[in-house]
PDB file of N, CA and C in Angstrom:
ATOM      1  N   MET A   1     105.710 117.099 107.482  1.00  0.00           N
ATOM      2  CA  MET A   1     104.733 116.029 107.546  1.00  0.00           C
ATOM      3  C   MET A   1     104.028 116.109 108.897  1.00  0.00           C
ATOM      4  N   THR A   2     102.723 116.152 108.877  1.00  0.00           N
ATOM      5  CA  THR A   2     101.936 116.164 110.096  1.00  0.00           C
ATOM      6  C   THR A   2     101.875 114.763 110.671  1.00  0.00           C
ATOM      7  N   ASP A   3     102.037 114.669 111.975  1.00  0.00           N
ATOM      8  CA  ASP A   3     101.951 113.358 112.623  1.00  0.00           C
ATOM      9  C   ASP A   3     100.480 113.092 112.941  1.00  0.00           C
ATOM     10  N   PRO A   4      99.818 112.226 112.142  1.00  0.00           N
ATOM     11  CA  PRO A   4      98.387 111.995 112.334  1.00  0.00           C
ATOM     12  C   PRO A   4      98.068 111.309 113.650  1.00  0.00           C
ATOM     13  N   THR A   5      99.053 110.715 114.296  1.00  0.00           N
ATOM     14  CA  THR A   5      98.775 110.028 115.557  1.00  0.00           C
ATOM     15  C   THR A   5      98.649 110.991 116.723  1.00  0.00           C
ATOM     16  N   THR A   6      98.920 112.274 116.494  1.00  0.00           N
ATOM     17  CA  THR A   6      98.813 113.244 117.583  1.00  0.00           C
ATOM     18  C   THR A   6      97.473 113.954 117.598  1.00  0.00           C
ATOM     19  N   ASP A   7      96.639 113.723 116.606  1.00  0.00           N
ATOM     20  CA  ASP A   7      95.301 114.313 116.640  1.00  0.00           C
ATOM     21  C   ASP A   7      94.258 113.243 116.356  1.00  0.00           C
ATOM     22  N   THR A   8      93.114 113.405 116.955  1.00  0.00           N
ATOM     23  CA  THR A   8      92.060 112.392 116.879  1.00  0.00           C
ATOM     24  C   THR A   8      91.615 112.140 115.445  1.00  0.00           C
ATOM     25  N   ASP A   9      91.417 113.206 114.656  1.00  0.00           N
ATOM     26  CA  ASP A   9      90.979 113.021 113.275  1.00  0.00           C
ATOM     27  C   ASP A   9      92.006 112.229 112.478  1.00  0.00           C
ATOM     28  N   GLY A  10      93.284 112.494 112.715  1.00  0.00           N
ATOM     29  CA  GLY A  10      94.341 111.771 112.011  1.00  0.00           C
ATOM     30  C   GLY A  10      94.333 110.294 112.330  1.00  0.00           C
ATOM     31  N   VAL A  11      94.146 109.970 113.600  1.00  0.00           N
ATOM     32  CA  VAL A  11      94.098 108.568 114.019  1.00  0.00           C
ATOM     33  C   VAL A  11      92.894 107.877 113.384  1.00  0.00           C
ATOM     34  N   LEU A  12      91.759 108.535 113.390  1.00  0.00           N
ATOM     35  CA  LEU A  12      90.559 107.943 112.777  1.00  0.00           C
ATOM     36  C   LEU A  12      90.750 107.745 111.279  1.00  0.00           C
ATOM     37  N   ASP A  13      91.387 108.702 110.610  1.00  0.00           N
ATOM     38  CA  ASP A  13      91.660 108.549 109.176  1.00  0.00           C
ATOM     39  C   ASP A  13      92.550 107.344 108.918  1.00  0.00           C
ATOM     40  N   LEU A  14      93.598 107.183 109.720  1.00  0.00           N
ATOM     41  CA  LEU A  14      94.487 106.035 109.561  1.00  0.00           C
ATOM     42  C   LEU A  14      93.739 104.720 109.761  1.00  0.00           C
ATOM     43  N   LEU A  15      92.900 104.661 110.782  1.00  0.00           N
ATOM     44  CA  LEU A  15      92.133 103.448 111.044  1.00  0.00           C
ATOM     45  C   LEU A  15      91.179 103.142 109.902  1.00  0.00           C
ATOM     46  N   MET A  16      90.527 104.166 109.381  1.00  0.00           N
ATOM     47  CA  MET A  16      89.596 103.962 108.274  1.00  0.00           C
ATOM     48  C   MET A  16      90.348 103.493 107.025  1.00  0.00           C
ATOM     49  N   ASP A  17      91.507 104.084 106.751  1.00  0.00           N
ATOM     50  CA  ASP A  17      92.309 103.648 105.604  1.00  0.00           C
ATOM     51  C   ASP A  17      92.715 102.193 105.767  1.00  0.00           C
ATOM     52  N   ASP A  18      93.166 101.820 106.956  1.00  0.00           N
ATOM     53  CA  ASP A  18      93.567 100.435 107.216  1.00  0.00           C
ATOM     54  C   ASP A  18      92.384  99.486 107.044  1.00  0.00           C
ATOM     55  N   MET A  19      91.219  99.883 107.537  1.00  0.00           N
ATOM     56  CA  MET A  19      90.036  99.029 107.432  1.00  0.00           C
ATOM     57  C   MET A  19      89.612  98.878 105.965  1.00  0.00           C
ATOM     58  N   ARG A  20      89.667  99.976 105.200  1.00  0.00           N
ATOM     59  CA  ARG A  20      89.309  99.896 103.773  1.00  0.00           C
ATOM     60  C   ARG A  20      90.272  98.982 103.020  1.00  0.00           C
ATOM     61  N   ALA A  21      91.553  99.098 103.325  1.00  0.00           N
ATOM     62  CA  ALA A  21      92.541  98.240 102.657  1.00  0.00           C
ATOM     63  C   ALA A  21      92.287  96.780 102.993  1.00  0.00           C
ATOM     64  N   ARG A  22      92.038  96.491 104.259  1.00  0.00           N
ATOM     65  CA  ARG A  22      91.767  95.111 104.676  1.00  0.00           C
ATOM     66  C   ARG A  22      90.508  94.577 103.994  1.00  0.00           C
ATOM     67  N   ASP A  23      89.453  95.386 103.959  1.00  0.00           N
ATOM     68  CA  ASP A  23      88.209  94.964 103.315  1.00  0.00           C
ATOM     69  C   ASP A  23      88.420  94.688 101.829  1.00  0.00           C
ATOM     70  N   THR A  24      89.217  95.519 101.169  1.00  0.00           N
ATOM     71  CA  THR A  24      89.497  95.325  99.745  1.00  0.00           C
ATOM     72  C   THR A  24      90.220  94.009  99.513  1.00  0.00           C
ATOM     73  N   ILE A  25      91.210  93.726 100.342  1.00  0.00           N
ATOM     74  CA  ILE A  25      91.937  92.462 100.212  1.00  0.00           C
ATOM     75  C   ILE A  25      91.003  91.286 100.415  1.00  0.00           C
ATOM     76  N   LEU A  26      90.171  91.347 101.433  1.00  0.00           N
ATOM     77  CA  LEU A  26      89.258  90.238 101.707  1.00  0.00           C
ATOM     78  C   LEU A  26      88.232  90.069 100.594  1.00  0.00           C
ATOM     79  N   GLU A  27      87.688  91.167 100.087  1.00  0.00           N
ATOM     80  CA  GLU A  27      86.696  91.088  99.014  1.00  0.00           C
ATOM     81  C   GLU A  27      87.292  90.467  97.757  1.00  0.00           C
ATOM     82  N   GLU A  28      88.535  90.804  97.457  1.00  0.00           N
ATOM     83  CA  GLU A  28      89.165  90.343  96.230  1.00  0.00           C
ATOM     84  C   GLU A  28      89.768  88.946  96.355  1.00  0.00           C
ATOM     85  N   ASN A  29      90.110  88.502  97.566  1.00  0.00           N
ATOM     86  CA  ASN A  29      90.922  87.296  97.703  1.00  0.00           C
ATOM     87  C   ASN A  29      90.370  86.230  98.631  1.00  0.00           C
ATOM     88  N   PHE A  30      89.184  86.392  99.144  1.00  0.00           N
ATOM     89  CA  PHE A  30      88.711  85.414 100.114  1.00  0.00           C
ATOM     90  C   PHE A  30      87.335  84.908  99.736  1.00  0.00           C
ATOM     91  N   ASP A  31      87.274  83.655  99.426  1.00  0.00           N
ATOM     92  CA  ASP A  31      86.011  82.950  99.278  1.00  0.00           C
ATOM     93  C   ASP A  31      86.297  81.498  99.636  1.00  0.00           C
ATOM     94  N   PRO A  32      85.264  80.704  99.846  1.00  0.00           N
ATOM     95  CA  PRO A  32      85.489  79.339 100.322  1.00  0.00           C
ATOM     96  C   PRO A  32      86.401  78.492  99.434  1.00  0.00           C
ATOM     97  N   GLU A  33      86.495  78.805  98.168  1.00  0.00           N
ATOM     98  CA  GLU A  33      87.305  78.015  97.253  1.00  0.00           C
ATOM     99  C   GLU A  33      88.708  78.584  97.055  1.00  0.00           C
ATOM    100  N   SER A  34      89.040  79.659  97.716  1.00  0.00           N
ATOM    101  CA  SER A  34      90.348  80.259  97.485  1.00  0.00           C
ATOM    102  C   SER A  34      91.299  79.984  98.629  1.00  0.00           C
ATOM    103  N   GLY A  35      92.535  80.352  98.401  1.00  0.00           N
ATOM    104  CA  GLY A  35      93.557  80.378  99.424  1.00  0.00           C
ATOM    105  C   GLY A  35      93.678  79.164 100.304  1.00  0.00           C
ATOM    106  N   GLY A  36      93.161  79.284 101.498  1.00  0.00           N
ATOM    107  CA  GLY A  36      93.344  78.256 102.515  1.00  0.00           C
ATOM    108  C   GLY A  36      92.827  76.895 102.113  1.00  0.00           C
ATOM    109  N   LEU A  37      91.672  76.857 101.494  1.00  0.00           N
ATOM    110  CA  LEU A  37      91.085  75.577 101.104  1.00  0.00           C
ATOM    111  C   LEU A  37      91.898  74.919  99.989  1.00  0.00           C
ATOM    112  N   ARG A  38      92.322  75.724  99.004  1.00  0.00           N
ATOM    113  CA  ARG A  38      93.165  75.177  97.926  1.00  0.00           C
ATOM    114  C   ARG A  38      94.476  74.642  98.484  1.00  0.00           C
ATOM    115  N   TRP A  39      95.099  75.405  99.397  1.00  0.00           N
ATOM    116  CA  TRP A  39      96.364  74.978 100.012  1.00  0.00           C
ATOM    117  C   TRP A  39      96.167  73.663 100.756  1.00  0.00           C
ATOM    118  N   ALA A  40      95.133  73.572 101.552  1.00  0.00           N
ATOM    119  CA  ALA A  40      94.877  72.370 102.345  1.00  0.00           C
ATOM    120  C   ALA A  40      94.574  71.168 101.455  1.00  0.00           C
ATOM    121  N   SER A  41      93.914  71.390 100.340  1.00  0.00           N
ATOM    122  CA  SER A  41      93.519  70.276  99.483  1.00  0.00           C
ATOM    123  C   SER A  41      94.702  69.628  98.772  1.00  0.00           C
ATOM    124  N   ARG A  42      95.836  70.283  98.742  1.00  0.00           N
ATOM    125  CA  ARG A  42      97.018  69.740  98.052  1.00  0.00           C
ATOM    126  C   ARG A  42      97.768  68.700  98.874  1.00  0.00           C
ATOM    127  N   SER A  43      97.499  68.651 100.171  1.00  0.00           N
ATOM    128  CA  SER A  43      98.193  67.684 101.020  1.00  0.00           C
ATOM    129  C   SER A  43      97.373  67.447 102.280  1.00  0.00           C
ATOM    130  N   ALA A  44      97.300  66.201 102.700  1.00  0.00           N
ATOM    131  CA  ALA A  44      96.532  65.851 103.901  1.00  0.00           C
ATOM    132  C   ALA A  44      97.140  66.445 105.166  1.00  0.00           C
ATOM    133  N   THR A  45      98.400  66.839 105.109  1.00  0.00           N
ATOM    134  CA  THR A  45      99.054  67.392 106.302  1.00  0.00           C
ATOM    135  C   THR A  45      98.909  68.907 106.409  1.00  0.00           C
ATOM    136  N   ARG A  46      98.277  69.531 105.434  1.00  0.00           N
ATOM    137  CA  ARG A  46      98.107  70.992 105.456  1.00  0.00           C
ATOM    138  C   ARG A  46      96.746  71.371 106.018  1.00  0.00           C
ATOM    139  N   SER A  47      96.730  72.473 106.754  1.00  0.00           N
ATOM    140  CA  SER A  47      95.468  72.967 107.304  1.00  0.00           C
ATOM    141  C   SER A  47      94.989  74.186 106.519  1.00  0.00           C
ATOM    142  N   ILE A  48      93.708  74.474 106.651  1.00  0.00           N
ATOM    143  CA  ILE A  48      93.140  75.637 105.977  1.00  0.00           C
ATOM    144  C   ILE A  48      93.775  76.914 106.523  1.00  0.00           C
ATOM    145  N   ILE A  49      93.972  77.012 107.831  1.00  0.00           N
ATOM    146  CA  ILE A  49      94.552  78.235 108.390  1.00  0.00           C
ATOM    147  C   ILE A  49      95.982  78.431 107.906  1.00  0.00           C
ATOM    148  N   ALA A  50      96.725  77.349 107.695  1.00  0.00           N
ATOM    149  CA  ALA A  50      98.067  77.476 107.123  1.00  0.00           C
ATOM    150  C   ALA A  50      97.970  78.030 105.703  1.00  0.00           C
ATOM    151  N   GLY A  51      96.946  77.629 104.986  1.00  0.00           N
ATOM    152  CA  GLY A  51      96.721  78.156 103.642  1.00  0.00           C
ATOM    153  C   GLY A  51      96.362  79.631 103.659  1.00  0.00           C
ATOM    154  N   VAL A  52      95.588  80.038 104.639  1.00  0.00           N
ATOM    155  CA  VAL A  52      95.247  81.461 104.787  1.00  0.00           C
ATOM    156  C   VAL A  52      96.519  82.265 105.059  1.00  0.00           C
ATOM    157  N   ILE A  53      97.386  81.731 105.921  1.00  0.00           N
ATOM    158  CA  ILE A  53      98.661  82.396 106.199  1.00  0.00           C
ATOM    159  C   ILE A  53      99.497  82.471 104.923  1.00  0.00           C
ATOM    160  N   ARG A  54      99.545  81.365 104.185  1.00  0.00           N
ATOM    161  CA  ARG A  54     100.301  81.336 102.928  1.00  0.00           C
ATOM    162  C   ARG A  54      99.777  82.379 101.963  1.00  0.00           C
ATOM    163  N   ASN A  55      98.470  82.509 101.849  1.00  0.00           N
ATOM    164  CA  ASN A  55      97.866  83.542 101.009  1.00  0.00           C
ATOM    165  C   ASN A  55      98.350  84.928 101.429  1.00  0.00           C
ATOM    166  N   GLY A  56      98.379  85.153 102.741  1.00  0.00           N
ATOM    167  CA  GLY A  56      98.850  86.441 103.249  1.00  0.00           C
ATOM    168  C   GLY A  56     100.279  86.727 102.852  1.00  0.00           C
ATOM    169  N   VAL A  57     101.116  85.703 102.913  1.00  0.00           N
ATOM    170  CA  VAL A  57     102.522  85.852 102.511  1.00  0.00           C
ATOM    171  C   VAL A  57     102.610  86.222 101.032  1.00  0.00           C
ATOM    172  N   LEU A  58     101.864  85.523 100.201  1.00  0.00           N
ATOM    173  CA  LEU A  58     101.905  85.794  98.767  1.00  0.00           C
ATOM    174  C   LEU A  58     101.386  87.193  98.448  1.00  0.00           C
ATOM    175  N   LEU A  59     100.321  87.612  99.115  1.00  0.00           N
ATOM    176  CA  LEU A  59      99.790  88.957  98.903  1.00  0.00           C
ATOM    177  C   LEU A  59     100.776  90.020  99.378  1.00  0.00           C
ATOM    178  N   THR A  60     101.438  89.766 100.494  1.00  0.00           N
ATOM    179  CA  THR A  60     102.419  90.706 101.021  1.00  0.00           C
ATOM    180  C   THR A  60     103.580  90.867 100.055  1.00  0.00           C
ATOM    181  N   ARG A  61     104.066  89.755  99.517  1.00  0.00           N
ATOM    182  CA  ARG A  61     105.162  89.817  98.550  1.00  0.00           C
ATOM    183  C   ARG A  61     104.751  90.605  97.304  1.00  0.00           C
ATOM    184  N   ALA A  62     103.562  90.315  96.808  1.00  0.00           N
ATOM    185  CA  ALA A  62     103.081  91.012  95.615  1.00  0.00           C
ATOM    186  C   ALA A  62     102.925  92.510  95.889  1.00  0.00           C
ATOM    187  N   ALA A  63     102.390  92.848  97.048  1.00  0.00           N
ATOM    188  CA  ALA A  63     102.223  94.256  97.404  1.00  0.00           C
ATOM    189  C   ALA A  63     103.570  94.957  97.516  1.00  0.00           C
ATOM    190  N   ALA A  64     104.570  94.287  98.067  1.00  0.00           N
ATOM    191  CA  ALA A  64     105.905  94.873  98.206  1.00  0.00           C
ATOM    192  C   ALA A  64     106.510  95.168  96.834  1.00  0.00           C
ATOM    193  N   ILE A  65     106.319  94.258  95.891  1.00  0.00           N
ATOM    194  CA  ILE A  65     106.828  94.473  94.535  1.00  0.00           C
ATOM    195  C   ILE A  65     106.133  95.668  93.898  1.00  0.00           C
ATOM    196  N   LEU A  66     104.814  95.713  94.008  1.00  0.00           N
ATOM    197  CA  LEU A  66     104.060  96.831  93.441  1.00  0.00           C
ATOM    198  C   LEU A  66     104.452  98.153  94.084  1.00  0.00           C
ATOM    199  N   LEU A  67     104.668  98.159  95.390  1.00  0.00           N
ATOM    200  CA  LEU A  67     105.050  99.372  96.096  1.00  0.00           C
ATOM    201  C   LEU A  67     106.406  99.878  95.608  1.00  0.00           C
ATOM    202  N   ARG A  68     107.373  98.977  95.444  1.00  0.00           N
ATOM    203  CA  ARG A  68     108.689  99.379  94.927  1.00  0.00           C
ATOM    204  C   ARG A  68     108.550  99.989  93.530  1.00  0.00           C
ATOM    205  N   GLU A  69     107.717  99.382  92.698  1.00  0.00           N
ATOM    206  CA  GLU A  69     107.501  99.912  91.354  1.00  0.00           C
ATOM    207  C   GLU A  69     106.837 101.283  91.400  1.00  0.00           C
ATOM    208  N   ASP A  70     105.861 101.443  92.302  1.00  0.00           N
ATOM    209  CA  ASP A  70     105.167 102.728  92.426  1.00  0.00           C
ATOM    210  C   ASP A  70     106.100 103.828  92.925  1.00  0.00           C
ATOM    211  N   VAL A  71     106.967 103.501  93.880  1.00  0.00           N
ATOM    212  CA  VAL A  71     107.925 104.483  94.384  1.00  0.00           C
ATOM    213  C   VAL A  71     108.898 104.872  93.270  1.00  0.00           C
ATOM    214  N   ALA A  72     109.371 103.886  92.523  1.00  0.00           N
ATOM    215  CA  ALA A  72     110.271 104.185  91.408  1.00  0.00           C
ATOM    216  C   ALA A  72     109.582 105.103  90.396  1.00  0.00           C
ATOM    217  N   GLN A  73     108.318 104.816  90.107  1.00  0.00           N
ATOM    218  CA  GLN A  73     107.573 105.657  89.162  1.00  0.00           C
ATOM    219  C   GLN A  73     107.383 107.066  89.719  1.00  0.00           C
ATOM    220  N   ALA A  74     107.100 107.158  91.010  1.00  0.00           N
ATOM    221  CA  ALA A  74     106.940 108.471  91.643  1.00  0.00           C
ATOM    222  C   ALA A  74     108.225 109.291  91.528  1.00  0.00           C
ATOM    223  N   ARG A  75     109.363 108.644  91.741  1.00  0.00           N
ATOM    224  CA  ARG A  75     110.647 109.337  91.612  1.00  0.00           C
ATOM    225  C   ARG A  75     110.876 109.774  90.164  1.00  0.00           C
ATOM    226  N   GLU A  76     110.555 108.876  89.211  1.00  0.00           N
ATOM    227  CA  GLU A  76     110.684 109.237  87.793  1.00  0.00           C
ATOM    228  C   GLU A  76     109.793 110.417  87.444  1.00  0.00           C
ATOM    229  N   ASP A  77     108.625 110.493  88.095  1.00  0.00           N
ATOM    230  CA  ASP A  77     107.680 111.578  87.854  1.00  0.00           C
ATOM    231  C   ASP A  77     108.061 112.855  88.587  1.00  0.00           C
ATOM    232  N   GLY A  78     109.143 112.805  89.373  1.00  0.00           N
ATOM    233  CA  GLY A  78     109.642 114.008  90.027  1.00  0.00           C
ATOM    234  C   GLY A  78     109.194 114.237  91.456  1.00  0.00           C
ATOM    235  N   LEU A  79     108.511 113.278  92.069  1.00  0.00           N
ATOM    236  CA  LEU A  79     108.111 113.469  93.463  1.00  0.00           C
ATOM    237  C   LEU A  79     109.341 113.449  94.361  1.00  0.00           C
ATOM    238  N   SER A  80     109.309 114.280  95.387  1.00  0.00           N
ATOM    239  CA  SER A  80     110.408 114.342  96.349  1.00  0.00           C
ATOM    240  C   SER A  80     110.270 113.201  97.347  1.00  0.00           C
ATOM    241  N   TRP A  81     111.350 112.938  98.072  1.00  0.00           N
ATOM    242  CA  TRP A  81     111.288 111.920  99.116  1.00  0.00           C
ATOM    243  C   TRP A  81     110.321 112.341 100.213  1.00  0.00           C
ATOM    244  N   ASP A  82     110.168 113.646 100.441  1.00  0.00           N
ATOM    245  CA  ASP A  82     109.203 114.114 101.435  1.00  0.00           C
ATOM    246  C   ASP A  82     107.775 113.753 101.026  1.00  0.00           C
ATOM    247  N   GLU A  83     107.446 113.940  99.740  1.00  0.00           N
ATOM    248  CA  GLU A  83     106.107 113.612  99.250  1.00  0.00           C
ATOM    249  C   GLU A  83     105.848 112.105  99.312  1.00  0.00           C
ATOM    250  N   ILE A  84     106.849 111.346  98.909  1.00  0.00           N
ATOM    251  CA  ILE A  84     106.714 109.885  98.943  1.00  0.00           C
ATOM    252  C   ILE A  84     106.599 109.403 100.388  1.00  0.00           C
ATOM    253  N   ALA A  85     107.413 109.962 101.271  1.00  0.00           N
ATOM    254  CA  ALA A  85     107.389 109.568 102.682  1.00  0.00           C
ATOM    255  C   ALA A  85     106.025 109.826 103.306  1.00  0.00           C
ATOM    256  N   GLU A  86     105.397 110.929 102.943  1.00  0.00           N
ATOM    257  CA  GLU A  86     104.072 111.215 103.487  1.00  0.00           C
ATOM    258  C   GLU A  86     103.074 110.123 103.081  1.00  0.00           C
ATOM    259  N   ALA A  87     103.144 109.689 101.823  1.00  0.00           N
ATOM    260  CA  ALA A  87     102.251 108.626 101.356  1.00  0.00           C
ATOM    261  C   ALA A  87     102.563 107.298 102.033  1.00  0.00           C
ATOM    262  N   LEU A  88     103.847 107.077 102.342  1.00  0.00           N
ATOM    263  CA  LEU A  88     104.262 105.833 102.995  1.00  0.00           C
ATOM    264  C   LEU A  88     104.095 105.871 104.508  1.00  0.00           C
ATOM    265  N   ASP A  89     103.716 107.013 105.036  1.00  0.00           N
ATOM    266  CA  ASP A  89     103.549 107.193 106.480  1.00  0.00           C
ATOM    267  C   ASP A  89     104.861 106.924 107.217  1.00  0.00           C
ATOM    268  N   THR A  90     105.933 107.550 106.710  1.00  0.00           N
ATOM    269  CA  THR A  90     107.256 107.397 107.303  1.00  0.00           C
ATOM    270  C   THR A  90     108.031 108.692 107.107  1.00  0.00           C
ATOM    271  N   THR A  91     109.289 108.687 107.437  1.00  0.00           N
ATOM    272  CA  THR A  91     110.137 109.856 107.223  1.00  0.00           C
ATOM    273  C   THR A  91     110.777 109.777 105.834  1.00  0.00           C
ATOM    274  N   ALA A  92     111.217 110.925 105.347  1.00  0.00           N
ATOM    275  CA  ALA A  92     111.881 110.963 104.049  1.00  0.00           C
ATOM    276  C   ALA A  92     113.163 110.129 104.076  1.00  0.00           C
ATOM    277  N   ALA A  93     113.904 110.220 105.176  1.00  0.00           N
ATOM    278  CA  ALA A  93     115.144 109.448 105.286  1.00  0.00           C
ATOM    279  C   ALA A  93     114.871 107.947 105.229  1.00  0.00           C
ATOM    280  N   GLU A  94     113.830 107.488 105.923  1.00  0.00           N
ATOM    281  CA  GLU A  94     113.494 106.062 105.911  1.00  0.00           C
ATOM    282  C   GLU A  94     112.992 105.635 104.528  1.00  0.00           C
ATOM    283  N   ALA A  95     112.180 106.464 103.892  1.00  0.00           N
ATOM    284  CA  ALA A  95     111.679 106.138 102.555  1.00  0.00           C
ATOM    285  C   ALA A  95     112.840 106.008 101.569  1.00  0.00           C
ATOM    286  N   GLU A  96     113.770 106.939 101.628  1.00  0.00           N
ATOM    287  CA  GLU A  96     114.910 106.877 100.720  1.00  0.00           C
ATOM    288  C   GLU A  96     115.808 105.686 101.031  1.00  0.00           C
ATOM    289  N   ARG A  97     115.992 105.398 102.319  1.00  0.00           N
ATOM    290  CA  ARG A  97     116.803 104.235 102.704  1.00  0.00           C
ATOM    291  C   ARG A  97     116.186 102.954 102.166  1.00  0.00           C
ATOM    292  N   ARG A  98     114.870 102.839 102.322  1.00  0.00           N
ATOM    293  CA  ARG A  98     114.191 101.606 101.933  1.00  0.00           C
ATOM    294  C   ARG A  98     113.981 101.471 100.437  1.00  0.00           C
ATOM    295  N   TYR A  99     113.666 102.585  99.772  1.00  0.00           N
ATOM    296  CA  TYR A  99     113.281 102.520  98.364  1.00  0.00           C
ATOM    297  C   TYR A  99     114.213 103.286  97.428  1.00  0.00           C
ATOM    298  N   GLY A 100     115.293 103.806  97.960  1.00  0.00           N
ATOM    299  CA  GLY A 100     116.196 104.628  97.157  1.00  0.00           C
ATOM    300  C   GLY A 100     116.807 103.910  95.981  1.00  0.00           C
ATOM    301  N   THR A 101     116.894 102.612  96.048  1.00  0.00           N
ATOM    302  CA  THR A 101     117.440 101.841  94.942  1.00  0.00           C
ATOM    303  C   THR A 101     116.345 101.253  94.065  1.00  0.00           C
ATOM    304  N   ALA A 102     115.079 101.634  94.343  1.00  0.00           N
ATOM    305  CA  ALA A 102     113.961 101.097  93.558  1.00  0.00           C
ATOM    306  C   ALA A 102     114.120 101.522  92.113  1.00  0.00           C
ATOM    307  N   THR A 103     113.981 100.569  91.234  1.00  0.00           N
ATOM    308  CA  THR A 103     114.027 100.863  89.801  1.00  0.00           C
ATOM    309  C   THR A 103     112.751 100.367  89.159  1.00  0.00           C
ATOM    310  N   HIS A 104     112.373 101.019  88.126  1.00  0.00           N
ATOM    311  CA  HIS A 104     111.120 100.674  87.439  1.00  0.00           C
ATOM    312  C   HIS A 104     111.401  99.695  86.335  1.00  0.00           C
TER     313      HIS A 104
END
């Protein structure tokens, strides 16, 4: 696995991937009537920013579930831990430790 943080192009690719992912989340999940405003409207003691944080928690949980399912599917499809680790931007040992019990 090439360490993208040791070369400029790799770092730029990582930043662009992160920015695209963030933009996708915002495009799909953020408008004035979503998340924070809905959370705040349910109780006078809740703030919009607390609702935005809550949205982030829910999205993170959902993403974690999907990721476990995707890793399980990748293993069923025959991908090695090295291949999965490269996609996860980690080591094979860490990927297997974290997702080795993932079931589909």
